[in-house]
């Protein structure tokens, strides 16, 4: 009779271990997917930063400085 409760207890432990292993495998898969997504997003952010720097550089190069603006447009006459 002592073997039945022990066998039941071992079966419960085995089923608990199997459930934990299943959850662990699922979590490992989800972590891998999230890691892949994170890598993709980091690459996109890096590309966007590069493009933003290029745009800022082009805007800076195309914006006339104050001295050039004064040479192009003479100051208005004073009354």
N, C-alpha and C. Protein backbone atom coordinates (compact mmCIF):
# COMPACT_ATOMS: atom_id res chain seq x y z
N UNK A 1 0.81 -1.20 0.00
CA UNK A 1 0.00 0.00 0.00
C UNK A 1 0.85 1.26 0.00
N UNK A 2 2.01 1.20 0.57
CA UNK A 2 2.88 2.36 0.63
C UNK A 2 3.41 2.71 -0.75
N UNK A 3 3.40 1.73 -1.67
CA UNK A 3 3.93 1.98 -3.01
C UNK A 3 2.97 2.84 -3.85
N UNK A 4 1.67 2.74 -3.61
CA UNK A 4 0.71 3.51 -4.42
C UNK A 4 0.86 5.01 -4.20
N UNK A 5 0.89 5.49 -2.97
CA UNK A 5 1.07 6.94 -2.79
C UNK A 5 2.42 7.41 -3.34
N UNK A 6 3.43 6.59 -3.21
CA UNK A 6 4.74 6.94 -3.73
C UNK A 6 4.72 7.01 -5.25
N UNK A 7 4.07 6.06 -5.88
CA UNK A 7 3.97 6.03 -7.34
C UNK A 7 3.16 7.23 -7.83
N UNK A 8 2.09 7.56 -7.12
CA UNK A 8 1.28 8.73 -7.48
C UNK A 8 2.09 10.00 -7.34
N UNK A 9 2.84 10.08 -6.26
CA UNK A 9 3.69 11.25 -6.03
C UNK A 9 4.75 11.39 -7.13
N UNK A 10 5.36 10.28 -7.52
CA UNK A 10 6.38 10.31 -8.58
C UNK A 10 5.75 10.73 -9.91
N UNK A 11 4.54 10.22 -10.19
CA UNK A 11 3.84 10.60 -11.42
C UNK A 11 3.51 12.09 -11.43
N UNK A 12 3.09 12.62 -10.29
CA UNK A 12 2.80 14.05 -10.18
C UNK A 12 4.06 14.88 -10.41
N UNK A 13 5.15 14.45 -9.84
CA UNK A 13 6.42 15.17 -10.01
C UNK A 13 6.85 15.10 -11.47
N UNK A 14 6.72 13.92 -12.09
CA UNK A 14 7.11 13.79 -13.50
C UNK A 14 6.25 14.68 -14.40
N UNK A 15 4.95 14.72 -14.13
CA UNK A 15 4.08 15.58 -14.96
C UNK A 15 4.40 17.05 -14.73
N UNK A 16 4.74 17.41 -13.49
CA UNK A 16 5.13 18.80 -13.21
C UNK A 16 6.43 19.15 -13.93
N UNK A 17 7.37 18.23 -13.92
CA UNK A 17 8.65 18.47 -14.62
C UNK A 17 8.42 18.61 -16.12
N UNK A 18 7.56 17.75 -16.69
CA UNK A 18 7.27 17.83 -18.12
C UNK A 18 6.61 19.17 -18.46
N UNK A 19 5.68 19.62 -17.60
CA UNK A 19 5.03 20.92 -17.82
C UNK A 19 6.05 22.05 -17.77
N UNK A 20 6.96 22.00 -16.80
CA UNK A 20 7.99 23.02 -16.69
C UNK A 20 8.94 23.01 -17.89
N UNK A 21 9.30 21.82 -18.35
CA UNK A 21 10.16 21.72 -19.53
C UNK A 21 9.48 22.28 -20.76
N UNK A 22 8.18 22.01 -20.89
CA UNK A 22 7.42 22.54 -22.02
C UNK A 22 7.37 24.06 -21.96
N UNK A 23 7.09 24.62 -20.80
CA UNK A 23 7.06 26.08 -20.64
C UNK A 23 8.42 26.69 -20.92
N UNK A 24 9.47 26.02 -20.47
CA UNK A 24 10.83 26.50 -20.68
C UNK A 24 11.16 26.54 -22.17
N UNK A 25 10.78 25.48 -22.88
CA UNK A 25 11.04 25.44 -24.33
C UNK A 25 10.27 26.55 -25.04
N UNK A 26 9.02 26.77 -24.63
CA UNK A 26 8.22 27.83 -25.22
C UNK A 26 8.85 29.20 -24.95
N UNK A 27 9.30 29.42 -23.73
CA UNK A 27 9.93 30.69 -23.38
C UNK A 27 11.23 30.89 -24.14
N UNK A 28 12.00 29.84 -24.32
CA UNK A 28 13.23 29.94 -25.10
C UNK A 28 12.93 30.36 -26.53
N UNK A 29 11.87 29.80 -27.10
CA UNK A 29 11.47 30.16 -28.47
C UNK A 29 11.05 31.62 -28.55
N UNK A 30 10.26 32.06 -27.59
CA UNK A 30 9.80 33.46 -27.56
C UNK A 30 10.99 34.41 -27.38
N UNK A 31 11.91 34.07 -26.52
CA UNK A 31 13.09 34.91 -26.30
C UNK A 31 13.91 35.02 -27.58
N UNK A 32 14.05 33.94 -28.30
CA UNK A 32 14.79 33.96 -29.57
C UNK A 32 14.08 34.85 -30.59
N UNK A 33 12.76 34.76 -30.67
CA UNK A 33 12.00 35.61 -31.59
C UNK A 33 12.15 37.08 -31.22
N UNK A 34 12.05 37.38 -29.93
CA UNK A 34 12.21 38.77 -29.47
C UNK A 34 13.61 39.29 -29.75
N UNK A 35 14.60 38.45 -29.58
CA UNK A 35 15.98 38.84 -29.87
C UNK A 35 16.14 39.18 -31.35
N UNK A 36 15.55 38.36 -32.22
CA UNK A 36 15.62 38.63 -33.66
C UNK A 36 14.93 39.95 -34.00
N UNK A 37 13.77 40.19 -33.42
CA UNK A 37 13.06 41.45 -33.65
C UNK A 37 13.87 42.64 -33.15
N UNK A 38 14.48 42.49 -31.99
CA UNK A 38 15.30 43.55 -31.43
C UNK A 38 16.48 43.88 -32.34
N UNK A 39 17.10 42.86 -32.89
CA UNK A 39 18.22 43.06 -33.81
C UNK A 39 17.77 43.83 -35.04
N UNK A 40 16.62 43.46 -35.58
CA UNK A 40 16.07 44.15 -36.75
C UNK A 40 15.81 45.62 -36.43
N UNK A 41 15.20 45.87 -35.28
CA UNK A 41 14.88 47.24 -34.90
C UNK A 41 16.14 48.07 -34.64
N UNK A 42 17.15 47.46 -34.07
CA UNK A 42 18.40 48.20 -33.85
C UNK A 42 19.04 48.58 -35.17
N UNK A 43 18.99 47.70 -36.16
CA UNK A 43 19.54 48.02 -37.48
C UNK A 43 18.75 49.14 -38.13
N UNK A 44 17.42 49.10 -38.01
CA UNK A 44 16.59 50.16 -38.57
C UNK A 44 16.87 51.50 -37.89
N UNK A 45 17.02 51.49 -36.59
CA UNK A 45 17.32 52.73 -35.87
C UNK A 45 18.67 53.28 -36.31
N UNK A 46 19.65 52.41 -36.48
CA UNK A 46 20.97 52.83 -36.94
C UNK A 46 20.88 53.46 -38.33
N UNK A 47 20.13 52.83 -39.23
CA UNK A 47 19.95 53.39 -40.57
C UNK A 47 19.25 54.74 -40.53
N UNK A 48 18.22 54.86 -39.69
CA UNK A 48 17.50 56.11 -39.58
C UNK A 48 18.39 57.22 -39.01
N UNK A 49 19.25 56.88 -38.06
CA UNK A 49 20.19 57.88 -37.51
C UNK A 49 21.14 58.36 -38.60
N UNK A 50 21.62 57.44 -39.41
CA UNK A 50 22.53 57.82 -40.50
C UNK A 50 21.82 58.74 -41.49
N UNK A 51 20.60 58.40 -41.83
CA UNK A 51 19.84 59.23 -42.77
C UNK A 51 19.56 60.61 -42.17
N UNK A 52 19.25 60.64 -40.88
CA UNK A 52 18.99 61.92 -40.22
C UNK A 52 20.23 62.80 -40.21
N UNK A 53 21.40 62.20 -39.96
CA UNK A 53 22.64 62.97 -39.99
C UNK A 53 22.91 63.51 -41.40
N UNK A 54 22.64 62.70 -42.41
CA UNK A 54 22.83 63.14 -43.79
C UNK A 54 21.90 64.29 -44.13
N UNK A 55 20.65 64.19 -43.74
CA UNK A 55 19.69 65.27 -43.99
C UNK A 55 20.10 66.54 -43.26
N UNK A 56 20.51 66.41 -42.01
CA UNK A 56 20.94 67.58 -41.24
C UNK A 56 22.16 68.22 -41.89
N UNK A 57 23.08 67.41 -42.38
CA UNK A 57 24.26 67.93 -43.06
C UNK A 57 23.88 68.67 -44.34
N UNK A 58 22.98 68.11 -45.10
CA UNK A 58 22.54 68.77 -46.35
C UNK A 58 21.82 70.08 -46.06
N UNK A 59 20.99 70.09 -45.02
CA UNK A 59 20.30 71.33 -44.66
C UNK A 59 21.31 72.38 -44.22
N UNK A 60 22.28 71.97 -43.43
CA UNK A 60 23.30 72.91 -42.96
C UNK A 60 24.11 73.45 -44.13
N UNK A 61 24.44 72.60 -45.10
CA UNK A 61 25.21 73.04 -46.26
C UNK A 61 24.40 73.98 -47.15
N UNK A 62 23.09 73.82 -47.21
CA UNK A 62 22.26 74.63 -48.09
C UNK A 62 21.73 75.89 -47.41
N UNK A 63 21.90 76.03 -46.13
CA UNK A 63 21.44 77.22 -45.42
C UNK A 63 22.52 78.29 -45.52
N UNK A 64 22.17 79.44 -46.10
CA UNK A 64 23.18 80.50 -46.20
C UNK A 64 23.50 81.08 -44.83
N UNK A 65 24.76 81.42 -44.65
CA UNK A 65 25.15 82.02 -43.37
C UNK A 65 24.74 83.49 -43.35
N UNK A 66 24.87 84.14 -42.22
CA UNK A 66 24.44 85.53 -42.08
C UNK A 66 25.24 86.47 -42.97
N UNK A 67 26.53 86.26 -43.09
CA UNK A 67 27.35 87.15 -43.90
C UNK A 67 26.97 87.07 -45.37
N UNK A 68 26.65 85.90 -45.86
CA UNK A 68 26.24 85.75 -47.25
C UNK A 68 24.87 86.40 -47.45
N UNK A 69 23.99 86.29 -46.49
CA UNK A 69 22.66 86.88 -46.59
C UNK A 69 22.78 88.40 -46.68
N UNK A 70 23.66 88.99 -45.91
CA UNK A 70 23.83 90.44 -45.95
C UNK A 70 24.39 90.89 -47.29
N UNK A 71 25.26 90.12 -47.89
CA UNK A 71 25.82 90.49 -49.17
C UNK A 71 24.78 90.39 -50.28
N UNK A 72 23.90 89.44 -50.19
CA UNK A 72 22.88 89.27 -51.22
C UNK A 72 21.82 90.35 -51.10
N UNK A 73 21.35 90.63 -49.91
CA UNK A 73 20.32 91.62 -49.69
C UNK A 73 20.90 92.79 -48.91
N UNK A 74 20.92 93.95 -49.52
CA UNK A 74 21.41 95.11 -48.76
C UNK A 74 20.39 95.49 -47.70
N UNK A 75 20.85 96.10 -46.65
CA UNK A 75 19.93 96.48 -45.59
C UNK A 75 18.94 97.53 -46.11
N UNK A 76 17.74 97.56 -45.57
CA UNK A 76 16.75 98.54 -46.04
C UNK A 76 17.15 99.95 -45.64
N UNK A 77 16.73 100.94 -46.43
CA UNK A 77 17.09 102.34 -46.07
C UNK A 77 16.39 102.77 -44.79
N UNK A 78 17.10 103.62 -44.07
CA UNK A 78 16.52 104.14 -42.81
C UNK A 78 15.91 105.50 -43.08
N UNK A 79 14.79 105.76 -42.46
CA UNK A 79 14.11 107.05 -42.67
C UNK A 79 14.40 107.98 -41.54
